[in-house]
Amino acid sequence: MDISLTYIKPEFRNKGLFKKLNVRAEKYFGQFRDIKFLRICVLAENNMALNAYKNAGYKEEEIILRKIVKRKK
């Protein structure tokens, strides 16, 4: 199950909200036998989110590289 577009406003960060949301998500999705794992995508430079996810037990699975295509004028 992919979890996408999670966002916590700056004034609510560092209060354990992601941890609480994640515990609830794990409990909910754990009811379904066909869901084997949860996956979260995060921007590489979002260190705060990366740390929160890693602290919750998520492991790096893949790295996606991107290059902007230069257009001819």
PDB file of N, CA and C in Angstrom:
ATOM      1  N   MET A   1       0.852  -1.167   0.000  1.00  0.00           N
ATOM      2  CA  MET A   1       0.000   0.000   0.000  1.00  0.00           C
ATOM      3  C   MET A   1       0.893   1.223   0.000  1.00  0.00           C
ATOM      4  N   ASP A   2       0.679   2.109  -0.946  1.00  0.00           N
ATOM      5  CA  ASP A   2       1.440   3.355  -1.020  1.00  0.00           C
ATOM      6  C   ASP A   2       0.732   4.441  -0.222  1.00  0.00           C
ATOM      7  N   ILE A   3       1.503   5.133   0.589  1.00  0.00           N
ATOM      8  CA  ILE A   3       0.997   6.302   1.300  1.00  0.00           C
ATOM      9  C   ILE A   3       1.589   7.493   0.577  1.00  0.00           C
ATOM     10  N   SER A   4       0.744   8.376   0.072  1.00  0.00           N
ATOM     11  CA  SER A   4       1.275   9.506  -0.681  1.00  0.00           C
ATOM     12  C   SER A   4       0.669  10.815  -0.188  1.00  0.00           C
ATOM     13  N   LEU A   5       1.386  11.872  -0.476  1.00  0.00           N
ATOM     14  CA  LEU A   5       0.949  13.218  -0.179  1.00  0.00           C
ATOM     15  C   LEU A   5       0.663  13.454   1.304  1.00  0.00           C
ATOM     16  N   THR A   6       1.544  12.957   2.144  1.00  0.00           N
ATOM     17  CA  THR A   6       1.427  13.284   3.561  1.00  0.00           C
ATOM     18  C   THR A   6       2.120  14.613   3.799  1.00  0.00           C
ATOM     19  N   TYR A   7       1.529  15.436   4.608  1.00  0.00           N
ATOM     20  CA  TYR A   7       2.105  16.745   4.906  1.00  0.00           C
ATOM     21  C   TYR A   7       1.648  17.166   6.290  1.00  0.00           C
ATOM     22  N   ILE A   8       2.583  17.639   7.081  1.00  0.00           N
ATOM     23  CA  ILE A   8       2.254  18.177   8.390  1.00  0.00           C
ATOM     24  C   ILE A   8       2.727  19.622   8.414  1.00  0.00           C
ATOM     25  N   LYS A   9       1.820  20.540   8.690  1.00  0.00           N
ATOM     26  CA  LYS A   9       2.155  21.958   8.729  1.00  0.00           C
ATOM     27  C   LYS A   9       3.276  22.198   9.734  1.00  0.00           C
ATOM     28  N   PRO A  10       4.156  23.156   9.418  1.00  0.00           N
ATOM     29  CA  PRO A  10       5.307  23.418  10.294  1.00  0.00           C
ATOM     30  C   PRO A  10       4.957  23.602  11.771  1.00  0.00           C
ATOM     31  N   GLU A  11       3.857  24.271  12.053  1.00  0.00           N
ATOM     32  CA  GLU A  11       3.510  24.521  13.460  1.00  0.00           C
ATOM     33  C   GLU A  11       3.079  23.266  14.219  1.00  0.00           C
ATOM     34  N   PHE A  12       2.831  22.168  13.486  1.00  0.00           N
ATOM     35  CA  PHE A  12       2.436  20.919  14.132  1.00  0.00           C
ATOM     36  C   PHE A  12       3.536  19.861  14.110  1.00  0.00           C
ATOM     37  N   ARG A  13       4.696  20.199  13.552  1.00  0.00           N
ATOM     38  CA  ARG A  13       5.801  19.246  13.458  1.00  0.00           C
ATOM     39  C   ARG A  13       6.471  19.053  14.814  1.00  0.00           C
ATOM     40  N   ASN A  14       7.184  17.940  14.932  1.00  0.00           N
ATOM     41  CA  ASN A  14       7.914  17.590  16.159  1.00  0.00           C
ATOM     42  C   ASN A  14       6.988  17.406  17.362  1.00  0.00           C
ATOM     43  N   LYS A  15       5.770  16.962  17.085  1.00  0.00           N
ATOM     44  CA  LYS A  15       4.812  16.700  18.151  1.00  0.00           C
ATOM     45  C   LYS A  15       4.339  15.243  18.136  1.00  0.00           C
ATOM     46  N   GLY A  16       4.977  14.417  17.282  1.00  0.00           N
ATOM     47  CA  GLY A  16       4.629  13.001  17.222  1.00  0.00           C
ATOM     48  C   GLY A  16       3.407  12.681  16.379  1.00  0.00           C
ATOM     49  N   LEU A  17       2.943  13.639  15.546  1.00  0.00           N
ATOM     50  CA  LEU A  17       1.741  13.390  14.738  1.00  0.00           C
ATOM     51  C   LEU A  17       1.946  12.291  13.706  1.00  0.00           C
ATOM     52  N   PHE A  18       3.092  12.317  13.013  1.00  0.00           N
ATOM     53  CA  PHE A  18       3.320  11.256  12.021  1.00  0.00           C
ATOM     54  C   PHE A  18       3.336   9.899  12.699  1.00  0.00           C
ATOM     55  N   LYS A  19       3.982   9.815  13.836  1.00  0.00           N
ATOM     56  CA  LYS A  19       4.061   8.546  14.554  1.00  0.00           C
ATOM     57  C   LYS A  19       2.659   8.024  14.875  1.00  0.00           C
ATOM     58  N   LYS A  20       1.789   8.913  15.351  1.00  0.00           N
ATOM     59  CA  LYS A  20       0.413   8.519  15.669  1.00  0.00           C
ATOM     60  C   LYS A  20      -0.352   8.094  14.416  1.00  0.00           C
ATOM     61  N   LEU A  21      -0.209   8.882  13.347  1.00  0.00           N
ATOM     62  CA  LEU A  21      -0.878   8.534  12.092  1.00  0.00           C
ATOM     63  C   LEU A  21      -0.380   7.201  11.553  1.00  0.00           C
ATOM     64  N   ASN A  22       0.923   6.983  11.633  1.00  0.00           N
ATOM     65  CA  ASN A  22       1.505   5.750  11.121  1.00  0.00           C
ATOM     66  C   ASN A  22       1.039   4.533  11.919  1.00  0.00           C
ATOM     67  N   VAL A  23       0.977   4.658  13.228  1.00  0.00           N
ATOM     68  CA  VAL A  23       0.495   3.547  14.063  1.00  0.00           C
ATOM     69  C   VAL A  23      -0.936   3.192  13.678  1.00  0.00           C
ATOM     70  N   ARG A  24      -1.760   4.203  13.460  1.00  0.00           N
ATOM     71  CA  ARG A  24      -3.153   3.954  13.059  1.00  0.00           C
ATOM     72  C   ARG A  24      -3.218   3.313  11.675  1.00  0.00           C
ATOM     73  N   ALA A  25      -2.370   3.796  10.744  1.00  0.00           N
ATOM     74  CA  ALA A  25      -2.357   3.226   9.395  1.00  0.00           C
ATOM     75  C   ALA A  25      -1.933   1.761   9.437  1.00  0.00           C
ATOM     76  N   GLU A  26      -0.883   1.458  10.202  1.00  0.00           N
ATOM     77  CA  GLU A  26      -0.418   0.071  10.306  1.00  0.00           C
ATOM     78  C   GLU A  26      -1.502  -0.826  10.889  1.00  0.00           C
ATOM     79  N   LYS A  27      -2.178  -0.333  11.900  1.00  0.00           N
ATOM     80  CA  LYS A  27      -3.252  -1.111  12.532  1.00  0.00           C
ATOM     81  C   LYS A  27      -4.395  -1.348  11.541  1.00  0.00           C
ATOM     82  N   TYR A  28      -4.789  -0.294  10.825  1.00  0.00           N
ATOM     83  CA  TYR A  28      -5.878  -0.408   9.860  1.00  0.00           C
ATOM     84  C   TYR A  28      -5.515  -1.350   8.718  1.00  0.00           C
ATOM     85  N   PHE A  29      -4.379  -1.091   8.053  1.00  0.00           N
ATOM     86  CA  PHE A  29      -4.005  -1.902   6.899  1.00  0.00           C
ATOM     87  C   PHE A  29      -3.606  -3.318   7.292  1.00  0.00           C
ATOM     88  N   GLY A  30      -3.220  -3.500   8.541  1.00  0.00           N
ATOM     89  CA  GLY A  30      -2.886  -4.839   9.021  1.00  0.00           C
ATOM     90  C   GLY A  30      -4.070  -5.788   9.030  1.00  0.00           C
ATOM     91  N   GLN A  31      -5.273  -5.261   8.903  1.00  0.00           N
ATOM     92  CA  GLN A  31      -6.483  -6.099   8.864  1.00  0.00           C
ATOM     93  C   GLN A  31      -6.636  -6.851   7.544  1.00  0.00           C
ATOM     94  N   PHE A  32      -5.948  -6.390   6.510  1.00  0.00           N
ATOM     95  CA  PHE A  32      -6.130  -6.934   5.169  1.00  0.00           C
ATOM     96  C   PHE A  32      -4.975  -7.860   4.808  1.00  0.00           C
ATOM     97  N   ARG A  33      -5.265  -9.110   4.554  1.00  0.00           N
ATOM     98  CA  ARG A  33      -4.232 -10.114   4.271  1.00  0.00           C
ATOM     99  C   ARG A  33      -3.439  -9.820   3.001  1.00  0.00           C
ATOM    100  N   ASP A  34      -4.064  -9.164   2.027  1.00  0.00           N
ATOM    101  CA  ASP A  34      -3.371  -8.927   0.758  1.00  0.00           C
ATOM    102  C   ASP A  34      -2.424  -7.725   0.810  1.00  0.00           C
ATOM    103  N   ILE A  35      -2.454  -6.947   1.865  1.00  0.00           N
ATOM    104  CA  ILE A  35      -1.518  -5.830   2.008  1.00  0.00           C
ATOM    105  C   ILE A  35      -0.322  -6.338   2.802  1.00  0.00           C
ATOM    106  N   LYS A  36       0.824  -6.389   2.151  1.00  0.00           N
ATOM    107  CA  LYS A  36       2.033  -6.965   2.750  1.00  0.00           C
ATOM    108  C   LYS A  36       2.981  -5.915   3.322  1.00  0.00           C
ATOM    109  N   PHE A  37       2.906  -4.684   2.811  1.00  0.00           N
ATOM    110  CA  PHE A  37       3.821  -3.649   3.280  1.00  0.00           C
ATOM    111  C   PHE A  37       3.228  -2.274   3.002  1.00  0.00           C
ATOM    112  N   LEU A  38       3.761  -1.279   3.687  1.00  0.00           N
ATOM    113  CA  LEU A  38       3.441   0.125   3.427  1.00  0.00           C
ATOM    114  C   LEU A  38       4.671   0.761   2.796  1.00  0.00           C
ATOM    115  N   ARG A  39       4.444   1.679   1.884  1.00  0.00           N
ATOM    116  CA  ARG A  39       5.552   2.349   1.215  1.00  0.00           C
ATOM    117  C   ARG A  39       5.248   3.845   1.162  1.00  0.00           C
ATOM    118  N   ILE A  40       6.254   4.637   1.464  1.00  0.00           N
ATOM    119  CA  ILE A  40       6.124   6.093   1.442  1.00  0.00           C
ATOM    120  C   ILE A  40       7.192   6.655   0.506  1.00  0.00           C
ATOM    121  N   CYS A  41       6.794   7.571  -0.357  1.00  0.00           N
ATOM    122  CA  CYS A  41       7.758   8.278  -1.208  1.00  0.00           C
ATOM    123  C   CYS A  41       8.043   9.631  -0.571  1.00  0.00           C
ATOM    124  N   VAL A  42       9.306  10.028  -0.623  1.00  0.00           N
ATOM    125  CA  VAL A  42       9.708  11.290  -0.011  1.00  0.00           C
ATOM    126  C   VAL A  42      10.808  11.919  -0.859  1.00  0.00           C
ATOM    127  N   LEU A  43      10.824  13.239  -0.912  1.00  0.00           N
ATOM    128  CA  LEU A  43      11.891  13.921  -1.636  1.00  0.00           C
ATOM    129  C   LEU A  43      13.209  13.734  -0.902  1.00  0.00           C
ATOM    130  N   ALA A  44      14.272  13.529  -1.645  1.00  0.00           N
ATOM    131  CA  ALA A  44      15.589  13.219  -1.074  1.00  0.00           C
ATOM    132  C   ALA A  44      16.072  14.289  -0.100  1.00  0.00           C
ATOM    133  N   GLU A  45      15.739  15.544  -0.342  1.00  0.00           N
ATOM    134  CA  GLU A  45      16.235  16.615   0.523  1.00  0.00           C
ATOM    135  C   GLU A  45      15.351  16.868   1.752  1.00  0.00           C
ATOM    136  N   ASN A  46      14.271  16.115   1.899  1.00  0.00           N
ATOM    137  CA  ASN A  46      13.360  16.298   3.027  1.00  0.00           C
ATOM    138  C   ASN A  46      13.843  15.470   4.224  1.00  0.00           C
ATOM    139  N   ASN A  47      14.921  15.949   4.831  1.00  0.00           N
ATOM    140  CA  ASN A  47      15.559  15.192   5.916  1.00  0.00           C
ATOM    141  C   ASN A  47      14.667  14.986   7.125  1.00  0.00           C
ATOM    142  N   MET A  48      13.825  15.962   7.447  1.00  0.00           N
ATOM    143  CA  MET A  48      12.939  15.823   8.596  1.00  0.00           C
ATOM    144  C   MET A  48      11.983  14.642   8.397  1.00  0.00           C
ATOM    145  N   ALA A  49      11.389  14.561   7.206  1.00  0.00           N
ATOM    146  CA  ALA A  49      10.471  13.457   6.908  1.00  0.00           C
ATOM    147  C   ALA A  49      11.229  12.128   6.833  1.00  0.00           C
ATOM    148  N   LEU A  50      12.394  12.139   6.171  1.00  0.00           N
ATOM    149  CA  LEU A  50      13.191  10.914   6.087  1.00  0.00           C
ATOM    150  C   LEU A  50      13.490  10.353   7.470  1.00  0.00           C
ATOM    151  N   ASN A  51      13.888  11.212   8.387  1.00  0.00           N
ATOM    152  CA  ASN A  51      14.187  10.762   9.746  1.00  0.00           C
ATOM    153  C   ASN A  51      12.949  10.224  10.437  1.00  0.00           C
ATOM    154  N   ALA A  52      11.814  10.888  10.262  1.00  0.00           N
ATOM    155  CA  ALA A  52      10.569  10.415  10.875  1.00  0.00           C
ATOM    156  C   ALA A  52      10.203   9.033  10.342  1.00  0.00           C
ATOM    157  N   TYR A  53      10.334   8.849   9.030  1.00  0.00           N
ATOM    158  CA  TYR A  53       9.983   7.564   8.424  1.00  0.00           C
ATOM    159  C   TYR A  53      10.939   6.462   8.878  1.00  0.00           C
ATOM    160  N   LYS A  54      12.216   6.773   8.898  1.00  0.00           N
ATOM    161  CA  LYS A  54      13.201   5.774   9.344  1.00  0.00           C
ATOM    162  C   LYS A  54      12.984   5.425  10.814  1.00  0.00           C
ATOM    163  N   ASN A  55      12.669   6.412  11.638  1.00  0.00           N
ATOM    164  CA  ASN A  55      12.392   6.149  13.054  1.00  0.00           C
ATOM    165  C   ASN A  55      11.151   5.281  13.242  1.00  0.00           C
ATOM    166  N   ALA A  56      10.246   5.329  12.262  1.00  0.00           N
ATOM    167  CA  ALA A  56       9.035   4.507  12.314  1.00  0.00           C
ATOM    168  C   ALA A  56       9.275   3.109  11.748  1.00  0.00           C
ATOM    169  N   GLY A  57      10.504   2.840  11.283  1.00  0.00           N
ATOM    170  CA  GLY A  57      10.825   1.500  10.804  1.00  0.00           C
ATOM    171  C   GLY A  57      10.868   1.327   9.301  1.00  0.00           C
ATOM    172  N   TYR A  58      10.654   2.408   8.551  1.00  0.00           N
ATOM    173  CA  TYR A  58      10.729   2.313   7.095  1.00  0.00           C
ATOM    174  C   TYR A  58      12.182   2.239   6.661  1.00  0.00           C
ATOM    175  N   LYS A  59      12.450   1.454   5.631  1.00  0.00           N
ATOM    176  CA  LYS A  59      13.799   1.280   5.089  1.00  0.00           C
ATOM    177  C   LYS A  59      13.838   1.792   3.654  1.00  0.00           C
ATOM    178  N   GLU A  60      15.009   2.299   3.248  1.00  0.00           N
ATOM    179  CA  GLU A  60      15.162   2.734   1.856  1.00  0.00           C
ATOM    180  C   GLU A  60      15.039   1.533   0.941  1.00  0.00           C
ATOM    181  N   GLU A  61      14.237   1.695  -0.115  1.00  0.00           N
ATOM    182  CA  GLU A  61      13.972   0.596  -1.034  1.00  0.00           C
ATOM    183  C   GLU A  61      14.521   0.860  -2.425  1.00  0.00           C
ATOM    184  N   GLU A  62      14.365   2.079  -2.910  1.00  0.00           N
ATOM    185  CA  GLU A  62      14.848   2.403  -4.248  1.00  0.00           C
ATOM    186  C   GLU A  62      15.231   3.875  -4.298  1.00  0.00           C
ATOM    187  N   ILE A  63      16.057   4.205  -5.243  1.00  0.00           N
ATOM    188  CA  ILE A  63      16.458   5.589  -5.458  1.00  0.00           C
ATOM    189  C   ILE A  63      16.089   5.936  -6.896  1.00  0.00           C
ATOM    190  N   ILE A  64      15.432   7.044  -7.068  1.00  0.00           N
ATOM    191  CA  ILE A  64      15.018   7.487  -8.399  1.00  0.00           C
ATOM    192  C   ILE A  64      15.833   8.731  -8.746  1.00  0.00           C
ATOM    193  N   LEU A  65      16.456   8.720  -9.901  1.00  0.00           N
ATOM    194  CA  LEU A  65      17.243   9.862 -10.374  1.00  0.00           C
ATOM    195  C   LEU A  65      16.459  10.578 -11.465  1.00  0.00           C
ATOM    196  N   ARG A  66      16.640  11.883 -11.540  1.00  0.00           N
ATOM    197  CA  ARG A  66      15.902  12.684 -12.506  1.00  0.00           C
ATOM    198  C   ARG A  66      16.820  13.720 -13.099  1.00  0.00           C
ATOM    199  N   LYS A  67      16.649  13.988 -14.380  1.00  0.00           N
ATOM    200  CA  LYS A  67      17.422  15.010 -15.066  1.00  0.00           C
ATOM    201  C   LYS A  67      16.447  15.821 -15.911  1.00  0.00           C
ATOM    202  N   ILE A  68      16.601  17.134 -15.866  1.00  0.00           N
ATOM    203  CA  ILE A  68      15.750  18.009 -16.660  1.00  0.00           C
ATOM    204  C   ILE A  68      16.252  18.009 -18.099  1.00  0.00           C
ATOM    205  N   VAL A  69      15.325  17.865 -19.018  1.00  0.00           N
ATOM    206  CA  VAL A  69      15.669  17.859 -20.438  1.00  0.00           C
ATOM    207  C   VAL A  69      15.781  19.290 -20.924  1.00  0.00           C
ATOM    208  N   LYS A  70      16.893  19.594 -21.575  1.00  0.00           N
ATOM    209  CA  LYS A  70      17.088  20.941 -22.120  1.00  0.00           C
ATOM    210  C   LYS A  70      16.328  21.019 -23.451  1.00  0.00           C
ATOM    211  N   ARG A  71      15.565  22.049 -23.603  1.00  0.00           N
ATOM    212  CA  ARG A  71      14.788  22.251 -24.822  1.00  0.00           C
ATOM    213  C   ARG A  71      15.542  23.159 -25.776  1.00  0.00           C
ATOM    214  N   LYS A  72      15.431  22.841 -27.053  1.00  0.00           N
ATOM    215  CA  LYS A  72      16.034  23.694 -28.084  1.00  0.00           C
ATOM    216  C   LYS A  72      15.168  24.926 -28.230  1.00  0.00           C
ATOM    217  N   LYS A  73      15.809  26.054 -28.441  1.00  0.00           N
ATOM    218  CA  LYS A  73      15.077  27.323 -28.574  1.00  0.00           C
ATOM    219  C   LYS A  73      14.734  27.620 -29.996  1.00  0.00           C
TER     220      LYS A  73
END
